[in-house]
Each structure stands twice: as structure tokens, then as C-alpha cells.
Protein backbone atom coordinates (compact mmCIF):
# COMPACT_ATOMS: atom_id res chain seq x y z
CA MET A 1 5.96 7.31 3.54
CA SER A 2 6.26 10.93 4.65
CA THR A 3 5.72 11.89 8.27
CA PRO A 4 4.43 15.22 9.54
CA ASP A 5 6.98 18.00 9.94
CA ARG A 6 6.59 18.93 13.60
CA THR A 7 8.89 21.97 13.40
CA THR A 8 6.82 24.87 14.70
CA PRO A 9 6.74 27.66 12.11
CA ASP A 10 7.52 31.28 12.94
CA PRO A 11 4.23 33.09 13.69
CA ALA A 12 5.24 35.91 11.32
CA THR A 13 5.63 33.58 8.36
CA TRP A 14 3.32 30.68 9.31
CA PRO A 15 1.66 29.64 6.02
CA ILE A 16 -1.85 31.15 5.92
CA GLY A 17 -3.67 30.87 2.61
CA ALA A 18 -6.77 32.60 1.30
CA ALA A 19 -9.61 30.34 0.30
CA LEU A 20 -11.01 30.92 -3.17
CA LEU A 21 -14.66 30.45 -2.19
CA GLN A 22 -15.54 33.77 -3.83
CA ALA A 23 -13.63 33.16 -7.06
CA PRO A 24 -16.24 32.71 -9.79
CA PRO A 25 -16.40 29.17 -11.18
CA VAL A 26 -17.86 30.53 -14.42
CA LEU A 27 -16.99 33.76 -16.27
CA PRO A 28 -19.74 36.21 -17.34
CA ASP A 29 -19.54 34.86 -20.89
CA GLY A 30 -20.20 31.33 -19.67
CA THR A 31 -16.63 30.06 -19.86
CA PRO A 32 -15.79 27.76 -16.93
CA ALA A 33 -12.90 29.04 -14.82
CA GLN A 34 -11.30 25.68 -15.55
CA GLU A 35 -11.01 26.68 -19.21
CA ALA A 36 -10.51 30.42 -18.72
CA PRO A 37 -7.69 32.28 -20.46
CA GLU A 38 -4.51 32.87 -18.50
CA VAL A 39 -5.33 36.49 -17.77
CA GLU A 40 -8.49 35.50 -15.88
CA TRP A 41 -6.51 33.15 -13.64
CA ARG A 42 -3.96 35.91 -13.08
CA ARG A 43 -6.72 38.33 -12.03
CA VAL A 44 -7.93 35.92 -9.33
CA LEU A 45 -4.42 35.29 -8.02
CA ARG A 46 -3.46 38.98 -8.21
CA ARG A 47 -6.57 39.85 -6.19
CA VAL A 48 -5.36 37.46 -3.48
CA ARG A 49 -1.90 39.01 -3.48
CA LEU A 50 -3.28 42.55 -3.36
CA ALA A 51 -5.26 41.52 -0.28
CA GLY A 52 -1.91 40.93 1.38
CA PHE A 53 -1.65 37.16 1.14
CA ASP A 54 1.56 35.33 0.30
CA HIS A 55 -0.27 31.98 0.15
CA VAL A 56 -3.46 30.74 -1.45
CA ASP A 57 -5.61 27.68 -0.92
CA LEU A 58 -6.52 26.32 -4.33
CA THR A 59 -10.16 25.64 -3.52
CA ASP A 60 -11.39 23.39 -6.31
CA SER A 61 -14.76 25.14 -6.60
CA TRP A 62 -12.72 27.58 -8.73
CA VAL A 63 -10.23 25.52 -10.74
CA ARG A 64 -9.57 21.80 -10.35
CA PRO A 65 -5.79 21.29 -10.64
CA GLY A 66 -6.32 17.54 -10.82
CA ASP A 67 -8.29 17.94 -14.04
CA LEU A 68 -5.83 20.25 -15.82
CA SER A 69 -3.67 19.09 -18.69
CA PRO A 70 0.09 19.12 -18.01
CA GLU A 71 0.36 22.27 -20.11
CA ARG A 72 -2.38 24.13 -18.22
CA LEU A 73 -1.04 22.95 -14.86
CA ALA A 74 2.33 24.41 -15.85
CA VAL A 75 0.59 27.72 -16.64
CA LEU A 76 -1.04 27.74 -13.19
CA LYS A 77 2.30 26.94 -11.54
CA ARG A 78 3.99 29.77 -13.42
CA LEU A 79 1.28 32.28 -12.54
CA LEU A 80 1.50 31.36 -8.86
CA ALA A 81 5.25 31.96 -8.96
CA GLU A 82 4.88 35.24 -10.84
CA GLU A 83 2.32 36.47 -8.33
CA GLY A 84 4.55 35.41 -5.42
CA LEU A 85 1.99 33.01 -3.97
CA GLY A 86 2.76 29.76 -2.21
CA VAL A 87 0.03 27.11 -2.05
CA THR A 88 -0.94 26.10 1.48
CA ALA A 89 -3.15 23.30 0.19
CA ILE A 90 -5.52 22.13 -2.48
CA THR A 91 -8.97 21.91 -0.92
CA THR A 92 -11.35 19.51 -2.61
CA ALA A 93 -15.06 19.68 -1.89
CA ARG A 94 -18.04 17.43 -2.51
CA ARG A 95 -15.93 14.65 -3.98
CA SER A 96 -16.78 11.91 -1.52
CA PRO A 97 -15.08 8.61 -2.38
CA ILE A 98 -18.06 6.83 -0.83
CA ALA A 99 -20.82 8.73 -2.65
CA PRO A 100 -24.10 6.78 -2.81
CA ASP A 101 -23.63 6.08 -6.52
CA ALA A 102 -20.78 3.57 -6.91
CA GLY A 103 -19.68 5.00 -10.24
CA GLU A 104 -19.59 8.53 -8.86
CA ALA A 105 -17.66 7.32 -5.81
CA ALA A 106 -15.06 5.59 -7.99
CA ALA A 107 -14.74 8.66 -10.20
CA ASN A 108 -14.25 10.84 -7.12
CA GLN A 109 -11.50 8.53 -5.89
CA GLU A 110 -9.74 8.80 -9.25
CA TYR A 111 -10.14 12.60 -9.15
CA LEU A 112 -8.60 12.75 -5.68
CA GLU A 113 -5.67 10.64 -6.89
CA ARG A 114 -5.10 13.04 -9.78
CA THR A 115 -5.31 15.97 -7.36
CA LEU A 116 -2.54 14.49 -5.24
CA VAL A 117 -0.29 14.33 -8.29
CA ALA A 118 -1.16 17.92 -9.22
CA ALA A 119 -0.49 19.07 -5.65
CA ALA A 120 2.98 17.58 -5.75
CA GLU A 121 3.63 19.29 -9.07
CA LEU A 122 2.51 22.66 -7.65
CA GLY A 123 4.76 22.24 -4.63
CA THR A 124 2.14 22.27 -1.92
CA THR A 125 2.26 19.87 1.01
CA VAL A 126 -1.39 19.22 1.85
CA VAL A 127 -4.51 18.04 0.08
CA SER A 128 -7.78 18.45 1.98
CA ALA A 129 -10.44 15.88 1.17
CA GLY A 130 -13.52 14.59 2.92
CA LEU A 131 -16.94 13.07 2.72
CA LEU A 132 -18.89 16.22 1.84
CA PRO A 133 -21.85 15.10 -0.29
CA VAL A 134 -23.17 16.95 -3.30
CA LEU A 135 -25.71 19.64 -2.47
CA THR A 136 -29.38 18.75 -2.73
CA ASP A 137 -31.75 20.95 -4.76
CA ALA A 138 -33.12 22.39 -1.51
CA GLN A 139 -29.61 23.29 -0.37
CA LYS A 140 -28.85 24.95 -3.69
CA ALA A 141 -32.00 27.07 -3.36
CA ALA A 142 -31.42 28.05 0.28
CA GLU A 143 -30.03 31.41 1.45
CA TRP A 144 -27.21 29.39 3.04
CA PHE A 145 -26.83 25.77 2.03
CA TRP A 146 -26.33 24.61 5.60
CA LEU A 147 -29.87 25.69 6.50
CA GLU A 148 -31.30 22.70 4.62
CA GLN A 149 -30.72 19.06 5.46
CA GLY A 150 -28.13 17.47 3.19
CA LEU A 151 -27.32 13.87 2.37
CA THR A 152 -25.96 11.69 5.15
CA ASP A 153 -23.50 8.82 5.28
CA PRO A 154 -25.09 5.41 5.93
CA ASP A 155 -25.67 4.39 9.54
CA PRO A 156 -23.21 1.54 10.30
CA GLN A 157 -26.02 -0.13 12.23
CA THR A 158 -28.02 -0.52 9.03
CA ASP A 159 -25.35 -1.27 6.42
CA GLY A 160 -23.12 -3.41 8.61
CA GLY A 161 -20.34 -0.82 8.44
CA ALA A 162 -19.76 -1.36 4.72
CA ALA A 163 -19.63 2.33 3.84
CA PHE A 164 -17.34 3.15 6.76
CA ASP A 165 -15.02 0.31 5.76
CA LEU A 166 -14.98 1.61 2.19
CA ALA A 167 -14.08 5.09 3.48
CA VAL A 168 -11.18 3.60 5.43
CA GLU A 169 -10.05 1.59 2.39
CA ARG A 170 -10.15 4.57 0.03
CA PHE A 171 -8.59 7.12 2.38
CA THR A 172 -5.87 4.60 3.18
CA ALA A 173 -5.10 4.23 -0.53
CA LEU A 174 -5.08 8.01 -0.93
CA GLY A 175 -2.91 8.42 2.16
CA ARG A 176 -0.37 5.93 0.85
CA ARG A 177 -0.26 7.66 -2.51
CA ALA A 178 0.09 11.03 -0.77
CA GLY A 179 2.98 9.61 1.23
CA GLU A 180 4.73 8.46 -1.93
CA LEU A 181 4.44 12.03 -3.22
CA GLY A 182 5.64 13.60 0.04
CA LEU A 183 2.20 15.01 0.90
CA GLN A 184 -0.15 15.20 3.85
CA LEU A 185 -3.79 14.20 3.43
CA SER A 186 -6.21 16.11 5.66
CA LEU A 187 -9.77 14.92 6.27
CA GLU A 188 -12.26 17.79 6.65
CA MET A 189 -14.96 17.64 9.31
CA TYR A 190 -18.49 17.97 7.91
CA GLU A 191 -21.88 17.28 9.39
CA ASP A 192 -23.79 14.01 8.95
CA THR A 193 -20.76 12.16 7.61
CA TYR A 194 -18.24 9.85 9.25
CA LEU A 195 -16.28 13.08 9.81
CA GLY A 196 -19.25 14.83 11.40
CA THR A 197 -18.38 14.49 15.09
CA PRO A 198 -15.06 14.51 16.94
CA GLU A 199 -15.51 10.89 17.94
CA SER A 200 -16.31 9.64 14.45
CA SER A 201 -13.57 11.79 12.90
CA VAL A 202 -10.89 10.45 15.21
CA ARG A 203 -12.21 6.93 14.70
CA LEU A 204 -11.89 7.23 10.92
CA LYS A 205 -8.46 8.86 11.09
CA GLU A 206 -7.18 6.18 13.45
CA ALA A 207 -8.67 3.40 11.31
CA VAL A 208 -6.64 4.73 8.38
CA GLY A 209 -3.64 4.77 10.69
CA LEU A 210 -1.09 6.54 8.52
CA PRO A 211 1.25 9.21 9.91
CA ASN A 212 0.62 11.56 6.99
CA VAL A 213 -3.18 11.44 7.30
CA GLY A 214 -4.72 13.86 9.78
CA LEU A 215 -7.83 15.93 10.37
CA ASN A 216 -8.93 19.34 9.16
CA PRO A 217 -10.73 20.43 12.38
CA ASP A 218 -13.21 22.76 10.68
CA VAL A 219 -15.73 22.65 13.53
CA ALA A 220 -17.28 25.87 12.22
CA ASN A 221 -18.98 23.62 9.64
CA ILE A 222 -20.85 22.10 12.59
CA ILE A 223 -21.37 25.23 14.68
CA ARG A 224 -23.33 26.98 11.91
CA LEU A 225 -26.09 24.36 11.86
CA HIS A 226 -29.56 25.34 13.09
CA ARG A 227 -29.82 22.47 15.53
CA PRO A 228 -28.26 21.42 18.83
CA VAL A 229 -24.54 20.76 18.43
CA GLN A 230 -21.73 19.71 20.72
CA PRO A 231 -20.00 22.75 22.26
CA TRP A 232 -17.21 23.98 20.00
CA ARG A 233 -14.58 23.79 22.76
CA GLU A 234 -15.29 20.10 23.39
CA GLN A 235 -15.08 19.40 19.66
CA LEU A 236 -11.77 21.18 19.19
CA ALA A 237 -10.21 19.67 22.30
CA ALA A 238 -10.89 16.21 20.87
CA VAL A 239 -9.67 16.76 17.32
CA LEU A 240 -6.82 19.27 17.54
CA PRO A 241 -4.26 16.61 18.58
CA HIS A 242 -5.03 14.89 15.24
CA ALA A 243 -4.98 17.99 12.99
CA ASN A 244 -2.50 18.57 10.17
CA PHE A 245 -4.28 21.45 8.34
CA TRP A 246 -6.99 23.86 9.42
CA HIS A 247 -9.80 25.73 7.68
CA VAL A 248 -10.58 28.62 10.05
CA LYS A 249 -13.78 30.66 9.96
CA ASN A 250 -16.35 31.77 12.48
CA TYR A 251 -20.10 32.29 12.94
CA TYR A 252 -22.48 34.20 15.14
CA ARG A 253 -24.74 31.69 16.83
CA ASP A 254 -27.85 32.21 18.94
CA HIS A 255 -30.52 29.96 20.42
CA ASP A 256 -33.82 31.05 21.88
CA PRO A 257 -34.99 28.35 24.31
CA ALA A 258 -38.41 29.97 24.48
CA THR A 259 -39.13 29.20 20.83
CA GLY A 260 -36.48 26.53 20.18
CA SER A 261 -35.15 28.54 17.25
CA TYR A 262 -31.52 28.79 16.20
CA ALA A 263 -29.84 31.53 14.21
CA THR A 264 -26.33 31.63 12.75
CA ALA A 265 -24.50 33.90 10.32
CA PRO A 266 -20.90 34.19 9.09
CA ALA A 267 -18.69 36.32 11.34
CA PRO A 268 -15.10 37.60 11.27
CA LEU A 269 -12.72 35.30 13.13
CA ALA A 270 -12.44 37.56 16.19
CA LEU A 271 -16.17 38.16 16.60
CA GLY A 272 -17.88 34.78 16.25
CA VAL A 273 -18.83 32.25 18.89
CA ILE A 274 -15.62 30.19 18.56
CA ASP A 275 -12.85 31.67 20.71
CA TYR A 276 -9.87 31.27 18.40
CA ARG A 277 -7.54 32.76 21.01
CA TRP A 278 -8.19 29.68 23.12
CA ALA A 279 -8.26 27.41 20.07
CA VAL A 280 -4.87 28.52 18.70
CA GLU A 281 -3.22 28.29 22.10
CA GLU A 282 -4.63 24.79 22.55
CA ALA A 283 -3.57 23.77 19.03
CA LEU A 284 0.01 24.86 19.58
CA ARG A 285 0.04 23.27 23.01
CA VAL A 286 -0.82 19.87 21.52
CA GLY A 287 1.71 20.23 18.71
CA PHE A 288 -0.18 21.60 15.69
CA THR A 289 2.26 22.78 13.00
CA GLY A 290 0.13 22.64 9.85
CA PRO A 291 -0.84 25.45 7.48
CA PHE A 292 -4.05 27.46 7.79
CA CYS A 293 -6.71 28.43 5.28
CA THR A 294 -8.88 31.45 6.12
CA GLU A 295 -12.44 31.18 4.85
CA HIS A 296 -15.52 33.40 4.95
CA TYR A 297 -18.85 32.92 3.23
CA GLY A 298 -20.77 35.81 1.72
CA GLY A 299 -20.02 39.39 0.75
CA ASP A 300 -16.40 40.40 0.27
CA GLY A 301 -15.10 37.17 1.71
CA LEU A 302 -11.54 37.86 0.59
CA SER A 303 -11.35 41.06 2.64
CA VAL A 304 -12.75 39.31 5.71
CA SER A 305 -10.29 36.47 5.14
CA ALA A 306 -7.48 39.04 5.06
CA GLN A 307 -8.68 40.46 8.39
CA ASN A 308 -8.82 36.91 9.71
CA ARG A 309 -5.22 36.35 8.56
CA GLU A 310 -3.98 39.34 10.55
CA HIS A 311 -5.95 38.28 13.61
CA LEU A 312 -4.58 34.76 13.27
CA ARG A 313 -0.99 36.03 13.08
CA HIS A 314 -1.57 37.99 16.29
CA LEU A 315 -3.01 34.88 17.97
CA LEU A 316 -0.09 32.71 16.80
CA ALA A 317 2.45 35.22 18.15
CA SER A 318 0.57 35.51 21.42
CA ALA A 319 0.22 31.76 21.86
CA THR A 320 3.88 31.15 21.03
CA GLU A 321 5.00 33.66 23.65
CA LEU A 322 2.60 32.39 26.31
CA LEU A 323 3.60 28.77 25.77
CA SER A 324 7.25 29.71 26.21
CA LEU A 325 6.65 30.95 29.77
């Protein structure tokens, strides 16, 4: 079983990968990115490198490494090397191993197991998984999917805790397999799941109880909701001691008590409601050493992610110096 590497990286070279949220899952001619010719994969990776990144997060909304043949996985590995890109993590999304349909849940578990094997082959150290459900039709039609209510994990008070226990069982199996492969498994926070609040996230992580299984404290997933939410600082303070990988992004957030309305929109890291200067200092203070993934929804997300990377490097250098005083 692998244990987390607690050696604090150099702020100048701390692994920061670009998310591939904007990479098209389907080419204009209808070819899935999964089956695209090599040159199309190279274009996506070259775009990341030209934006100044030396790492990429292989977000599986683009290509699913766990579903590639050995030959195609070797092509992806070669292209990453040729483009000079390390892989901070493979981020999986909407592959809940406790999906409401038992067959779908089992298939997701098998997919996550294959992804772990692919991650080891690609030389990354982290796989991010979670309980994100598939989008509903209303979410798919919305301007931003988080503006519509999505599916929720069962209330333990009504199912006797069966779904929670299954989540523990399946993440434990994945964590053990990750450990055999020398990997970390990171559980991403997401609303209305057993990873939807700091308390429930820590409870699930501690129930799994493996040293190579931690949290992806993506509290921005919660902050963007148009409803009352726990203050971001309280959330981060609770989960950062358990983090081993971190999706970072930010949002503008406003609430008008006169009407009860909420408004949120994606924001660059330095400008949104979450104070990442405080967050990074707190993370380093409690021992965070994991890689980062910079995300941004909408528009030229890669360029905003690149700005976020530079801001993050400044914050890491600042926090490192301040904590040495």
C-alpha cells in the first residue's frame, strides 16, 4: 500500500495541470475524441503546452484512458512525452460507483478500476473519482448545469445506510487497487452526494480509512449553487487536512436578501468569492503536498486556467515564505 508523499514541492515546479473541460468530446465530423486520429489528440495537448502548462489533467470528458486499447494508450503516452506534458491526474466525472441503477454502478466501478491501471501506465500519481451523478435533462438544457437540481444520493435515514456502505465498500476496493499500483485516489466534493458537505466528505474518507485515499476539496462546486451554502472558509478548514489533490476554480457569488435571489458566475481564481490566498496558506500549513488542477467553465477556459496557474504559483511562493517565518 502506498502512502502519501509529504515532501513539499518547490512552488516554482509544483505540479499544476490544465483541465480539459473545453476539449471537444466529439469532432466536427462526428468522430468521438476517444476514437480521433493521433493528430487531433496532439492538437489538444499542444494547445495546453502553448498555454504555458507543463502538466495536464486528463479530464475524461475528453478521452477516457481507461477505455483505450493498449495500443491507443501507448499513443497517448507517447504524445504526452513528445509535447513535454506530465499528467497531474486523471479526473473521472459522473461515474458514480453507487449510481441508482445497479448495473450502471457496477460498470462504473469496473471503469474506475481500468482507469487506475491506465493512470499507472501513463505515470501519473492520482486518480480523482467521486459520486457525481449523470446530468438530468433539465441540467443538460440549462445555461449552467448547476442551476438545475440534480440527482441526490439516498438519505441514510431512509435506506438504512445501504448506499453509504456500498460507497465505502467500493472506494475501499478502489483505494486498495490504487495502492497496489502506487497511486493516490482522491474523492471529489460534489453537492447532494455523500461528498457534498465537509462533514459527510470526511466521514466517507475516514470510513474508507486508507492512507492513499484523500479528498479533492473542490468547494467551488458547492459555492456556485443558487441556494444557501456553508461559508467557503468553514468548508475548506474542515477538508484541507484530508486533501491529496485539488481542483481549483472560483465564482462570483451574490445574494439579495430582499428578494432571496442568488447569482453566481465563473470567475478567475484571484477575483472570485473564495480567497485562495488564505486557502493556499491554510493548505500548506496543514500539510497539503498534492498536485493541482486549474479549471474554468465557459469561454476560453484554457486561457483563464493559465492565468489561474500563474496566480497559484505566486500564492504558493508567498505561502511558503510566510510559513517559514
